[in-house]
Amino acid sequence: MAEMIAYKILTGEQMLALEQGTFAGAPIDIQDGYVHLSTAAQVDETVSKHFAGQSDLSIAAVDLSALGEMLRWEISRGNQLFPHIYGPLTLDAVIAYGPIEYESDGTIRLPVAG
């Protein structure tokens, strides 16, 4: 896979946990046994499908190259490949994060480093 950045959508409480250094996962992540991530092309659908109507959401940009053997690309929703982390998401793998904001066309603005 050429993409080396993926994204994690987090509630306010989950973002606070990640800011402490390690995020073990949302309830669905813990249930499934891995932390769900989305590619840039998958973020909008992930938010509308799994976080509809929720406020106080954040988005974290994750450097996939920092994950090593914990990263697996697996087929999920709509037969698409999704990046999954088999282990916790650590703050040192996050290159940028912030509250979810929207572009003028309604798409989610992805966080950028620097």
PDB file of N, CA and C in Angstrom:
ATOM      1  N   MET A   1       0.841  -1.182   0.000  1.00  0.00           N
ATOM      2  CA  MET A   1       0.000   0.000   0.000  1.00  0.00           C
ATOM      3  C   MET A   1       0.885   1.243   0.000  1.00  0.00           C
ATOM      4  N   ALA A   2       0.556   2.153  -0.866  1.00  0.00           N
ATOM      5  CA  ALA A   2       1.372   3.360  -0.999  1.00  0.00           C
ATOM      6  C   ALA A   2       1.083   4.378   0.097  1.00  0.00           C
ATOM      7  N   GLU A   3      -0.145   4.367   0.616  1.00  0.00           N
ATOM      8  CA  GLU A   3      -0.507   5.372   1.609  1.00  0.00           C
ATOM      9  C   GLU A   3       0.239   5.126   2.913  1.00  0.00           C
ATOM     10  N   MET A   4       0.848   6.183   3.433  1.00  0.00           N
ATOM     11  CA  MET A   4       1.607   6.028   4.675  1.00  0.00           C
ATOM     12  C   MET A   4       1.020   6.853   5.813  1.00  0.00           C
ATOM     13  N   ILE A   5      -0.128   7.488   5.568  1.00  0.00           N
ATOM     14  CA  ILE A   5      -0.841   8.188   6.629  1.00  0.00           C
ATOM     15  C   ILE A   5      -2.278   7.689   6.633  1.00  0.00           C
ATOM     16  N   ALA A   6      -2.786   7.372   7.806  1.00  0.00           N
ATOM     17  CA  ALA A   6      -4.190   7.007   7.971  1.00  0.00           C
ATOM     18  C   ALA A   6      -4.732   7.822   9.141  1.00  0.00           C
ATOM     19  N   TYR A   7      -6.025   7.697   9.379  1.00  0.00           N
ATOM     20  CA  TYR A   7      -6.681   8.594  10.329  1.00  0.00           C
ATOM     21  C   TYR A   7      -7.536   7.813  11.326  1.00  0.00           C
ATOM     22  N   LYS A   8      -7.540   8.302  12.564  1.00  0.00           N
ATOM     23  CA  LYS A   8      -8.371   7.742  13.624  1.00  0.00           C
ATOM     24  C   LYS A   8      -9.322   8.831  14.089  1.00  0.00           C
ATOM     25  N   ILE A   9     -10.611   8.501  14.095  1.00  0.00           N
ATOM     26  CA  ILE A   9     -11.624   9.414  14.617  1.00  0.00           C
ATOM     27  C   ILE A   9     -11.776   9.101  16.105  1.00  0.00           C
ATOM     28  N   LEU A  10     -11.760  10.132  16.925  1.00  0.00           N
ATOM     29  CA  LEU A  10     -11.790   9.961  18.377  1.00  0.00           C
ATOM     30  C   LEU A  10     -12.828  10.877  19.016  1.00  0.00           C
ATOM     31  N   THR A  11     -13.499  10.376  20.034  1.00  0.00           N
ATOM     32  CA  THR A  11     -14.361  11.234  20.847  1.00  0.00           C
ATOM     33  C   THR A  11     -13.452  12.091  21.725  1.00  0.00           C
ATOM     34  N   GLY A  12     -14.023  13.087  22.365  1.00  0.00           N
ATOM     35  CA  GLY A  12     -13.236  13.946  23.243  1.00  0.00           C
ATOM     36  C   GLY A  12     -12.512  13.163  24.325  1.00  0.00           C
ATOM     37  N   GLU A  13     -13.220  12.232  24.941  1.00  0.00           N
ATOM     38  CA  GLU A  13     -12.625  11.410  26.004  1.00  0.00           C
ATOM     39  C   GLU A  13     -11.486  10.538  25.461  1.00  0.00           C
ATOM     40  N   GLN A  14     -11.691   9.985  24.265  1.00  0.00           N
ATOM     41  CA  GLN A  14     -10.650   9.148  23.653  1.00  0.00           C
ATOM     42  C   GLN A  14      -9.422   9.978  23.270  1.00  0.00           C
ATOM     43  N   MET A  15      -9.648  11.213  22.820  1.00  0.00           N
ATOM     44  CA  MET A  15      -8.533  12.097  22.476  1.00  0.00           C
ATOM     45  C   MET A  15      -7.714  12.410  23.708  1.00  0.00           C
ATOM     46  N   LEU A  16      -8.379  12.633  24.836  1.00  0.00           N
ATOM     47  CA  LEU A  16      -7.654  12.882  26.086  1.00  0.00           C
ATOM     48  C   LEU A  16      -6.779  11.682  26.455  1.00  0.00           C
ATOM     49  N   ALA A  17      -7.291  10.471  26.241  1.00  0.00           N
ATOM     50  CA  ALA A  17      -6.506   9.266  26.527  1.00  0.00           C
ATOM     51  C   ALA A  17      -5.279   9.207  25.622  1.00  0.00           C
ATOM     52  N   LEU A  18      -5.461   9.492  24.329  1.00  0.00           N
ATOM     53  CA  LEU A  18      -4.331   9.464  23.399  1.00  0.00           C
ATOM     54  C   LEU A  18      -3.293  10.520  23.790  1.00  0.00           C
ATOM     55  N   GLU A  19      -3.753  11.694  24.208  1.00  0.00           N
ATOM     56  CA  GLU A  19      -2.817  12.752  24.600  1.00  0.00           C
ATOM     57  C   GLU A  19      -1.981  12.364  25.816  1.00  0.00           C
ATOM     58  N   GLN A  20      -2.438  11.381  26.586  1.00  0.00           N
ATOM     59  CA  GLN A  20      -1.646  10.861  27.716  1.00  0.00           C
ATOM     60  C   GLN A  20      -0.537   9.929  27.232  1.00  0.00           C
ATOM     61  N   GLY A  21      -0.571   9.556  25.941  1.00  0.00           N
ATOM     62  CA  GLY A  21       0.514   8.761  25.372  1.00  0.00           C
ATOM     63  C   GLY A  21       0.090   7.487  24.680  1.00  0.00           C
ATOM     64  N   THR A  22      -0.993   6.851  25.149  1.00  0.00           N
ATOM     65  CA  THR A  22      -1.416   5.576  24.577  1.00  0.00           C
ATOM     66  C   THR A  22      -2.929   5.476  24.575  1.00  0.00           C
ATOM     67  N   PHE A  23      -3.472   5.071  23.439  1.00  0.00           N
ATOM     68  CA  PHE A  23      -4.909   4.849  23.310  1.00  0.00           C
ATOM     69  C   PHE A  23      -5.131   3.380  22.974  1.00  0.00           C
ATOM     70  N   ALA A  24      -5.762   2.652  23.894  1.00  0.00           N
ATOM     71  CA  ALA A  24      -5.978   1.210  23.719  1.00  0.00           C
ATOM     72  C   ALA A  24      -7.067   0.911  22.704  1.00  0.00           C
ATOM     73  N   GLY A  25      -7.961   1.867  22.472  1.00  0.00           N
ATOM     74  CA  GLY A  25      -9.005   1.664  21.486  1.00  0.00           C
ATOM     75  C   GLY A  25     -10.377   2.025  22.009  1.00  0.00           C
ATOM     76  N   ALA A  26     -11.272   2.330  21.068  1.00  0.00           N
ATOM     77  CA  ALA A  26     -12.680   2.562  21.369  1.00  0.00           C
ATOM     78  C   ALA A  26     -13.317   1.213  21.689  1.00  0.00           C
ATOM     79  N   PRO A  27     -14.516   1.207  22.249  1.00  0.00           N
ATOM     80  CA  PRO A  27     -15.167  -0.078  22.541  1.00  0.00           C
ATOM     81  C   PRO A  27     -15.204  -1.027  21.335  1.00  0.00           C
ATOM     82  N   ILE A  28     -15.492  -0.515  20.134  1.00  0.00           N
ATOM     83  CA  ILE A  28     -15.526  -1.374  18.948  1.00  0.00           C
ATOM     84  C   ILE A  28     -14.129  -1.920  18.619  1.00  0.00           C
ATOM     85  N   ASP A  29     -13.086  -1.114  18.852  1.00  0.00           N
ATOM     86  CA  ASP A  29     -11.711  -1.571  18.613  1.00  0.00           C
ATOM     87  C   ASP A  29     -11.382  -2.724  19.555  1.00  0.00           C
ATOM     88  N   ILE A  30     -11.711  -2.544  20.820  1.00  0.00           N
ATOM     89  CA  ILE A  30     -11.416  -3.572  21.823  1.00  0.00           C
ATOM     90  C   ILE A  30     -12.188  -4.850  21.511  1.00  0.00           C
ATOM     91  N   GLN A  31     -13.455  -4.691  21.108  1.00  0.00           N
ATOM     92  CA  GLN A  31     -14.274  -5.842  20.738  1.00  0.00           C
ATOM     93  C   GLN A  31     -13.687  -6.591  19.542  1.00  0.00           C
ATOM     94  N   ASP A  32     -13.231  -5.841  18.524  1.00  0.00           N
ATOM     95  CA  ASP A  32     -12.716  -6.467  17.306  1.00  0.00           C
ATOM     96  C   ASP A  32     -11.274  -6.940  17.432  1.00  0.00           C
ATOM     97  N   GLY A  33     -10.549  -6.444  18.439  1.00  0.00           N
ATOM     98  CA  GLY A  33      -9.176  -6.886  18.646  1.00  0.00           C
ATOM     99  C   GLY A  33      -8.125  -6.066  17.922  1.00  0.00           C
ATOM    100  N   TYR A  34      -8.521  -4.918  17.376  1.00  0.00           N
ATOM    101  CA  TYR A  34      -7.571  -4.026  16.708  1.00  0.00           C
ATOM    102  C   TYR A  34      -8.155  -2.619  16.670  1.00  0.00           C
ATOM    103  N   VAL A  35      -7.281  -1.630  16.481  1.00  0.00           N
ATOM    104  CA  VAL A  35      -7.712  -0.238  16.374  1.00  0.00           C
ATOM    105  C   VAL A  35      -8.013   0.051  14.900  1.00  0.00           C
ATOM    106  N   HIS A  36      -9.237   0.469  14.636  1.00  0.00           N
ATOM    107  CA  HIS A  36      -9.685   0.796  13.280  1.00  0.00           C
ATOM    108  C   HIS A  36      -9.121   2.144  12.849  1.00  0.00           C
ATOM    109  N   LEU A  37      -8.550   2.203  11.661  1.00  0.00           N
ATOM    110  CA  LEU A  37      -8.132   3.457  11.041  1.00  0.00           C
ATOM    111  C   LEU A  37      -8.835   3.575   9.697  1.00  0.00           C
ATOM    112  N   SER A  38      -8.790   4.754   9.116  1.00  0.00           N
ATOM    113  CA  SER A  38      -9.346   4.996   7.790  1.00  0.00           C
ATOM    114  C   SER A  38      -8.316   5.736   6.950  1.00  0.00           C
ATOM    115  N   THR A  39      -8.326   5.468   5.638  1.00  0.00           N
ATOM    116  CA  THR A  39      -7.492   6.256   4.737  1.00  0.00           C
ATOM    117  C   THR A  39      -8.167   7.604   4.527  1.00  0.00           C
ATOM    118  N   ALA A  40      -7.461   8.523   3.882  1.00  0.00           N
ATOM    119  CA  ALA A  40      -8.032   9.842   3.606  1.00  0.00           C
ATOM    120  C   ALA A  40      -9.343   9.708   2.834  1.00  0.00           C
ATOM    121  N   ALA A  41      -9.397   8.776   1.887  1.00  0.00           N
ATOM    122  CA  ALA A  41     -10.601   8.589   1.068  1.00  0.00           C
ATOM    123  C   ALA A  41     -11.750   7.972   1.860  1.00  0.00           C
ATOM    124  N   GLN A  42     -11.474   7.349   3.000  1.00  0.00           N
ATOM    125  CA  GLN A  42     -12.497   6.650   3.778  1.00  0.00           C
ATOM    126  C   GLN A  42     -13.019   7.458   4.974  1.00  0.00           C
ATOM    127  N   VAL A  43     -12.350   8.546   5.327  1.00  0.00           N
ATOM    128  CA  VAL A  43     -12.673   9.296   6.548  1.00  0.00           C
ATOM    129  C   VAL A  43     -14.117   9.798   6.570  1.00  0.00           C
ATOM    130  N   ASP A  44     -14.564  10.438   5.497  1.00  0.00           N
ATOM    131  CA  ASP A  44     -15.911  11.025   5.502  1.00  0.00           C
ATOM    132  C   ASP A  44     -16.980   9.949   5.719  1.00  0.00           C
ATOM    133  N   GLU A  45     -16.836   8.811   5.031  1.00  0.00           N
ATOM    134  CA  GLU A  45     -17.810   7.737   5.188  1.00  0.00           C
ATOM    135  C   GLU A  45     -17.752   7.145   6.597  1.00  0.00           C
ATOM    136  N   THR A  46     -16.556   7.011   7.157  1.00  0.00           N
ATOM    137  CA  THR A  46     -16.421   6.492   8.518  1.00  0.00           C
ATOM    138  C   THR A  46     -17.145   7.392   9.513  1.00  0.00           C
ATOM    139  N   VAL A  47     -16.955   8.695   9.394  1.00  0.00           N
ATOM    140  CA  VAL A  47     -17.610   9.619  10.319  1.00  0.00           C
ATOM    141  C   VAL A  47     -19.122   9.570  10.145  1.00  0.00           C
ATOM    142  N   SER A  48     -19.609   9.588   8.908  1.00  0.00           N
ATOM    143  CA  SER A  48     -21.065   9.597   8.712  1.00  0.00           C
ATOM    144  C   SER A  48     -21.694   8.271   9.134  1.00  0.00           C
ATOM    145  N   LYS A  49     -20.981   7.168   8.991  1.00  0.00           N
ATOM    146  CA  LYS A  49     -21.530   5.855   9.335  1.00  0.00           C
ATOM    147  C   LYS A  49     -21.450   5.560  10.838  1.00  0.00           C
ATOM    148  N   HIS A  50     -20.341   5.909  11.469  1.00  0.00           N
ATOM    149  CA  HIS A  50     -20.105   5.494  12.859  1.00  0.00           C
ATOM    150  C   HIS A  50     -20.194   6.620  13.902  1.00  0.00           C
ATOM    151  N   PHE A  51     -20.216   7.875  13.452  1.00  0.00           N
ATOM    152  CA  PHE A  51     -20.210   8.993  14.406  1.00  0.00           C
ATOM    153  C   PHE A  51     -21.294  10.023  14.102  1.00  0.00           C
ATOM    154  N   ALA A  52     -22.307   9.635  13.353  1.00  0.00           N
ATOM    155  CA  ALA A  52     -23.371  10.567  12.943  1.00  0.00           C
ATOM    156  C   ALA A  52     -24.001  11.228  14.164  1.00  0.00           C
ATOM    157  N   GLY A  53     -24.139  12.543  14.098  1.00  0.00           N
ATOM    158  CA  GLY A  53     -24.804  13.280  15.165  1.00  0.00           C
ATOM    159  C   GLY A  53     -23.951  13.551  16.385  1.00  0.00           C
ATOM    160  N   GLN A  54     -22.728  13.040  16.397  1.00  0.00           N
ATOM    161  CA  GLN A  54     -21.865  13.266  17.562  1.00  0.00           C
ATOM    162  C   GLN A  54     -21.060  14.558  17.371  1.00  0.00           C
ATOM    163  N   SER A  55     -20.861  15.256  18.465  1.00  0.00           N
ATOM    164  CA  SER A  55     -19.996  16.431  18.431  1.00  0.00           C
ATOM    165  C   SER A  55     -18.773  16.110  19.282  1.00  0.00           C
ATOM    166  N   ASP A  56     -17.896  17.066  19.447  1.00  0.00           N
ATOM    167  CA  ASP A  56     -16.677  16.870  20.233  1.00  0.00           C
ATOM    168  C   ASP A  56     -15.838  15.720  19.681  1.00  0.00           C
ATOM    169  N   LEU A  57     -15.716  15.673  18.347  1.00  0.00           N
ATOM    170  CA  LEU A  57     -14.886  14.644  17.713  1.00  0.00           C
ATOM    171  C   LEU A  57     -13.553  15.246  17.293  1.00  0.00           C
ATOM    172  N   SER A  58     -12.531  14.415  17.364  1.00  0.00           N
ATOM    173  CA  SER A  58     -11.203  14.794  16.892  1.00  0.00           C
ATOM    174  C   SER A  58     -10.748  13.802  15.846  1.00  0.00           C
ATOM    175  N   ILE A  59      -9.727  14.196  15.112  1.00  0.00           N
ATOM    176  CA  ILE A  59      -9.132  13.319  14.109  1.00  0.00           C
ATOM    177  C   ILE A  59      -7.621  13.354  14.295  1.00  0.00           C
ATOM    178  N   ALA A  60      -7.022  12.173  14.262  1.00  0.00           N
ATOM    179  CA  ALA A  60      -5.569  12.053  14.410  1.00  0.00           C
ATOM    180  C   ALA A  60      -4.988  11.462  13.139  1.00  0.00           C
ATOM    181  N   ALA A  61      -3.934  12.086  12.636  1.00  0.00           N
ATOM    182  CA  ALA A  61      -3.199  11.568  11.480  1.00  0.00           C
ATOM    183  C   ALA A  61      -2.096  10.656  12.005  1.00  0.00           C
ATOM    184  N   VAL A  62      -2.097   9.419  11.541  1.00  0.00           N
ATOM    185  CA  VAL A  62      -1.185   8.396  12.054  1.00  0.00           C
ATOM    186  C   VAL A  62      -0.160   8.048  10.981  1.00  0.00           C
ATOM    187  N   ASP A  63       1.108   8.093  11.361  1.00  0.00           N
ATOM    188  CA  ASP A  63       2.205   7.699  10.480  1.00  0.00           C
ATOM    189  C   ASP A  63       2.274   6.173  10.474  1.00  0.00           C
ATOM    190  N   LEU A  64       1.793   5.570   9.393  1.00  0.00           N
ATOM    191  CA  LEU A  64       1.731   4.107   9.335  1.00  0.00           C
ATOM    192  C   LEU A  64       3.112   3.459   9.381  1.00  0.00           C
ATOM    193  N   SER A  65       4.127   4.169   8.907  1.00  0.00           N
ATOM    194  CA  SER A  65       5.479   3.581   8.920  1.00  0.00           C
ATOM    195  C   SER A  65       5.997   3.403  10.346  1.00  0.00           C
ATOM    196  N   ALA A  66       5.406   4.118  11.307  1.00  0.00           N
ATOM    197  CA  ALA A  66       5.830   4.000  12.710  1.00  0.00           C
ATOM    198  C   ALA A  66       5.226   2.774  13.398  1.00  0.00           C
ATOM    199  N   LEU A  67       4.286   2.113  12.737  1.00  0.00           N
ATOM    200  CA  LEU A  67       3.561   1.024  13.391  1.00  0.00           C
ATOM    201  C   LEU A  67       4.207  -0.345  13.221  1.00  0.00           C
ATOM    202  N   GLY A  68       5.086  -0.466  12.236  1.00  0.00           N
ATOM    203  CA  GLY A  68       5.787  -1.735  12.029  1.00  0.00           C
ATOM    204  C   GLY A  68       4.836  -2.899  11.835  1.00  0.00           C
ATOM    205  N   GLU A  69       5.117  -3.987  12.545  1.00  0.00           N
ATOM    206  CA  GLU A  69       4.366  -5.236  12.386  1.00  0.00           C
ATOM    207  C   GLU A  69       2.950  -5.163  12.954  1.00  0.00           C
ATOM    208  N   MET A  70       2.636  -4.105  13.708  1.00  0.00           N
ATOM    209  CA  MET A  70       1.285  -3.986  14.263  1.00  0.00           C
ATOM    210  C   MET A  70       0.262  -3.596  13.194  1.00  0.00           C
ATOM    211  N   LEU A  71       0.724  -3.073  12.047  1.00  0.00           N
ATOM    212  CA  LEU A  71      -0.173  -2.615  10.987  1.00  0.00           C
ATOM    213  C   LEU A  71      -0.533  -3.757  10.050  1.00  0.00           C
ATOM    214  N   ARG A  72      -1.830  -3.891   9.799  1.00  0.00           N
ATOM    215  CA  ARG A  72      -2.314  -4.838   8.787  1.00  0.00           C
ATOM    216  C   ARG A  72      -3.379  -4.151   7.951  1.00  0.00           C
ATOM    217  N   TRP A  73      -3.329  -4.370   6.638  1.00  0.00           N
ATOM    218  CA  TRP A  73      -4.371  -3.888   5.728  1.00  0.00           C
ATOM    219  C   TRP A  73      -5.343  -5.041   5.530  1.00  0.00           C
ATOM    220  N   GLU A  74      -6.614  -4.808   5.848  1.00  0.00           N
ATOM    221  CA  GLU A  74      -7.602  -5.876   5.776  1.00  0.00           C
ATOM    222  C   GLU A  74      -8.880  -5.392   5.095  1.00  0.00           C
ATOM    223  N   ILE A  75      -9.531  -6.306   4.409  1.00  0.00           N
ATOM    224  CA  ILE A  75     -10.782  -5.996   3.722  1.00  0.00           C
ATOM    225  C   ILE A  75     -11.890  -5.836   4.749  1.00  0.00           C
ATOM    226  N   SER A  76     -12.642  -4.752   4.593  1.00  0.00           N
ATOM    227  CA  SER A  76     -13.747  -4.466   5.507  1.00  0.00           C
ATOM    228  C   SER A  76     -14.894  -3.889   4.693  1.00  0.00           C
ATOM    229  N   ARG A  77     -15.519  -2.844   5.223  1.00  0.00           N
ATOM    230  CA  ARG A  77     -16.700  -2.226   4.631  1.00  0.00           C
ATOM    231  C   ARG A  77     -16.560  -2.018   3.116  1.00  0.00           C
ATOM    232  N   GLY A  78     -17.571  -2.481   2.384  1.00  0.00           N
ATOM    233  CA  GLY A  78     -17.584  -2.250   0.946  1.00  0.00           C
ATOM    234  C   GLY A  78     -16.434  -2.907   0.211  1.00  0.00           C
ATOM    235  N   ASN A  79     -15.869  -3.964   0.779  1.00  0.00           N
ATOM    236  CA  ASN A  79     -14.764  -4.694   0.158  1.00  0.00           C
ATOM    237  C   ASN A  79     -13.511  -3.824  -0.003  1.00  0.00           C
ATOM    238  N   GLN A  80     -13.402  -2.771   0.804  1.00  0.00           N
ATOM    239  CA  GLN A  80     -12.239  -1.886   0.750  1.00  0.00           C
ATOM    240  C   GLN A  80     -11.161  -2.361   1.731  1.00  0.00           C
ATOM    241  N   LEU A  81      -9.919  -2.054   1.419  1.00  0.00           N
ATOM    242  CA  LEU A  81      -8.824  -2.316   2.358  1.00  0.00           C
ATOM    243  C   LEU A  81      -8.760  -1.189   3.378  1.00  0.00           C
ATOM    244  N   PHE A  82      -8.729  -1.565   4.652  1.00  0.00           N
ATOM    245  CA  PHE A  82      -8.610  -0.604   5.738  1.00  0.00           C
ATOM    246  C   PHE A  82      -7.365  -0.916   6.553  1.00  0.00           C
ATOM    247  N   PRO A  83      -6.667   0.118   7.053  1.00  0.00           N
ATOM    248  CA  PRO A  83      -5.534  -0.112   7.945  1.00  0.00           C
ATOM    249  C   PRO A  83      -6.022  -0.384   9.372  1.00  0.00           C
ATOM    250  N   HIS A  84      -5.495  -1.436   9.959  1.00  0.00           N
ATOM    251  CA  HIS A  84      -5.839  -1.813  11.332  1.00  0.00           C
ATOM    252  C   HIS A  84      -4.566  -1.930  12.149  1.00  0.00           C
ATOM    253  N   ILE A  85      -4.615  -1.478  13.410  1.00  0.00           N
ATOM    254  CA  ILE A  85      -3.461  -1.586  14.306  1.00  0.00           C
ATOM    255  C   ILE A  85      -3.744  -2.694  15.314  1.00  0.00           C
ATOM    256  N   TYR A  86      -2.893  -3.705  15.310  1.00  0.00           N
ATOM    257  CA  TYR A  86      -2.997  -4.792  16.291  1.00  0.00           C
ATOM    258  C   TYR A  86      -2.094  -4.449  17.470  1.00  0.00           C
ATOM    259  N   GLY A  87      -2.605  -3.588  18.313  1.00  0.00           N
ATOM    260  CA  GLY A  87      -1.897  -3.060  19.466  1.00  0.00           C
ATOM    261  C   GLY A  87      -2.452  -1.668  19.715  1.00  0.00           C
ATOM    262  N   PRO A  88      -1.940  -0.979  20.709  1.00  0.00           N
ATOM    263  CA  PRO A  88      -2.445   0.359  21.009  1.00  0.00           C
ATOM    264  C   PRO A  88      -1.931   1.396  20.004  1.00  0.00           C
ATOM    265  N   LEU A  89      -2.687   2.464  19.869  1.00  0.00           N
ATOM    266  CA  LEU A  89      -2.229   3.630  19.120  1.00  0.00           C
ATOM    267  C   LEU A  89      -1.463   4.507  20.099  1.00  0.00           C
ATOM    268  N   THR A  90      -0.206   4.778  19.798  1.00  0.00           N
ATOM    269  CA  THR A  90       0.603   5.603  20.693  1.00  0.00           C
ATOM    270  C   THR A  90       0.771   6.997  20.096  1.00  0.00           C
ATOM    271  N   LEU A  91       0.870   7.970  20.969  1.00  0.00           N
ATOM    272  CA  LEU A  91       0.969   9.358  20.538  1.00  0.00           C
ATOM    273  C   LEU A  91       2.204   9.587  19.665  1.00  0.00           C
ATOM    274  N   ASP A  92       3.262   8.822  19.867  1.00  0.00           N
ATOM    275  CA  ASP A  92       4.461   9.031  19.050  1.00  0.00           C
ATOM    276  C   ASP A  92       4.275   8.627  17.591  1.00  0.00           C
ATOM    277  N   ALA A  93       3.198   7.877  17.269  1.00  0.00           N
ATOM    278  CA  ALA A  93       2.895   7.532  15.877  1.00  0.00           C
ATOM    279  C   ALA A  93       1.974   8.564  15.224  1.00  0.00           C
ATOM    280  N   VAL A  94       1.479   9.514  16.026  1.00  0.00           N
ATOM    281  CA  VAL A  94       0.557  10.534  15.523  1.00  0.00           C
ATOM    282  C   VAL A  94       1.355  11.758  15.102  1.00  0.00           C
ATOM    283  N   ILE A  95       1.146  12.178  13.850  1.00  0.00           N
ATOM    284  CA  ILE A  95       1.924  13.318  13.346  1.00  0.00           C
ATOM    285  C   ILE A  95       1.147  14.633  13.413  1.00  0.00           C
ATOM    286  N   ALA A  96      -0.180  14.558  13.547  1.00  0.00           N
ATOM    287  CA  ALA A  96      -1.004  15.763  13.678  1.00  0.00           C
ATOM    288  C   ALA A  96      -2.368  15.341  14.199  1.00  0.00           C
ATOM    289  N   TYR A  97      -3.013  16.232  14.939  1.00  0.00           N
ATOM    290  CA  TYR A  97      -4.381  15.944  15.380  1.00  0.00           C
ATOM    291  C   TYR A  97      -5.080  17.232  15.757  1.00  0.00           C
ATOM    292  N   GLY A  98      -6.379  17.149  15.835  1.00  0.00           N
ATOM    293  CA  GLY A  98      -7.163  18.302  16.234  1.00  0.00           C
ATOM    294  C   GLY A  98      -8.639  18.002  16.112  1.00  0.00           C
ATOM    295  N   PRO A  99      -9.471  18.976  16.467  1.00  0.00           N
ATOM    296  CA  PRO A  99     -10.912  18.773  16.349  1.00  0.00           C
ATOM    297  C   PRO A  99     -11.315  18.619  14.887  1.00  0.00           C
ATOM    298  N   ILE A 100     -12.359  17.860  14.656  1.00  0.00           N
ATOM    299  CA  ILE A 100     -12.851  17.715  13.287  1.00  0.00           C
ATOM    300  C   ILE A 100     -13.435  19.044  12.838  1.00  0.00           C
ATOM    301  N   GLU A 101     -12.974  19.466  11.674  1.00  0.00           N
ATOM    302  CA  GLU A 101     -13.484  20.679  11.034  1.00  0.00           C
ATOM    303  C   GLU A 101     -13.840  20.303   9.603  1.00  0.00           C
ATOM    304  N   TYR A 102     -14.725  21.087   9.013  1.00  0.00           N
ATOM    305  CA  TYR A 102     -15.220  20.762   7.671  1.00  0.00           C
ATOM    306  C   TYR A 102     -14.815  21.819   6.654  1.00  0.00           C
ATOM    307  N   GLU A 103     -14.542  21.346   5.439  1.00  0.00           N
ATOM    308  CA  GLU A 103     -14.275  22.235   4.310  1.00  0.00           C
ATOM    309  C   GLU A 103     -15.600  22.841   3.854  1.00  0.00           C
ATOM    310  N   SER A 104     -15.538  23.829   2.967  1.00  0.00           N
ATOM    311  CA  SER A 104     -16.763  24.478   2.491  1.00  0.00           C
ATOM    312  C   SER A 104     -17.671  23.510   1.734  1.00  0.00           C
ATOM    313  N   ASP A 105     -17.107  22.438   1.174  1.00  0.00           N
ATOM    314  CA  ASP A 105     -17.931  21.452   0.451  1.00  0.00           C
ATOM    315  C   ASP A 105     -18.497  20.368   1.376  1.00  0.00           C
ATOM    316  N   GLY A 106     -18.240  20.499   2.680  1.00  0.00           N
ATOM    317  CA  GLY A 106     -18.796  19.555   3.643  1.00  0.00           C
ATOM    318  C   GLY A 106     -17.906  18.371   3.965  1.00  0.00           C
ATOM    319  N   THR A 107     -16.771  18.236   3.280  1.00  0.00           N
ATOM    320  CA  THR A 107     -15.853  17.152   3.586  1.00  0.00           C
ATOM    321  C   THR A 107     -14.999  17.517   4.801  1.00  0.00           C
ATOM    322  N   ILE A 108     -14.477  16.512   5.436  1.00  0.00           N
ATOM    323  CA  ILE A 108     -13.659  16.727   6.622  1.00  0.00           C
ATOM    324  C   ILE A 108     -12.275  17.227   6.239  1.00  0.00           C
ATOM    325  N   ARG A 109     -11.829  18.264   6.944  1.00  0.00           N
ATOM    326  CA  ARG A 109     -10.486  18.798   6.742  1.00  0.00           C
ATOM    327  C   ARG A 109      -9.519  17.882   7.486  1.00  0.00           C
ATOM    328  N   LEU A 110      -8.567  17.311   6.769  1.00  0.00           N
ATOM    329  CA  LEU A 110      -7.605  16.401   7.376  1.00  0.00           C
ATOM    330  C   LEU A 110      -6.508  17.215   8.067  1.00  0.00           C
ATOM    331  N   PRO A 111      -6.077  16.764   9.244  1.00  0.00           N
ATOM    332  CA  PRO A 111      -5.013  17.491   9.952  1.00  0.00           C
ATOM    333  C   PRO A 111      -3.683  17.334   9.225  1.00  0.00           C
ATOM    334  N   VAL A 112      -2.896  18.378   9.227  1.00  0.00           N
ATOM    335  CA  VAL A 112      -1.570  18.321   8.596  1.00  0.00           C
ATOM    336  C   VAL A 112      -0.508  18.675   9.633  1.00  0.00           C
ATOM    337  N   ALA A 113       0.616  18.031   9.511  1.00  0.00           N
ATOM    338  CA  ALA A 113       1.719  18.266  10.449  1.00  0.00           C
ATOM    339  C   ALA A 113       2.407  19.584  10.126  1.00  0.00           C
ATOM    340  N   GLY A 114       2.947  20.219  11.163  1.00  0.00           N
ATOM    341  CA  GLY A 114       3.777  21.385  10.989  1.00  0.00           C
ATOM    342  C   GLY A 114       3.011  22.637  10.743  1.00  0.00           C
TER     343      GLY A 114
END
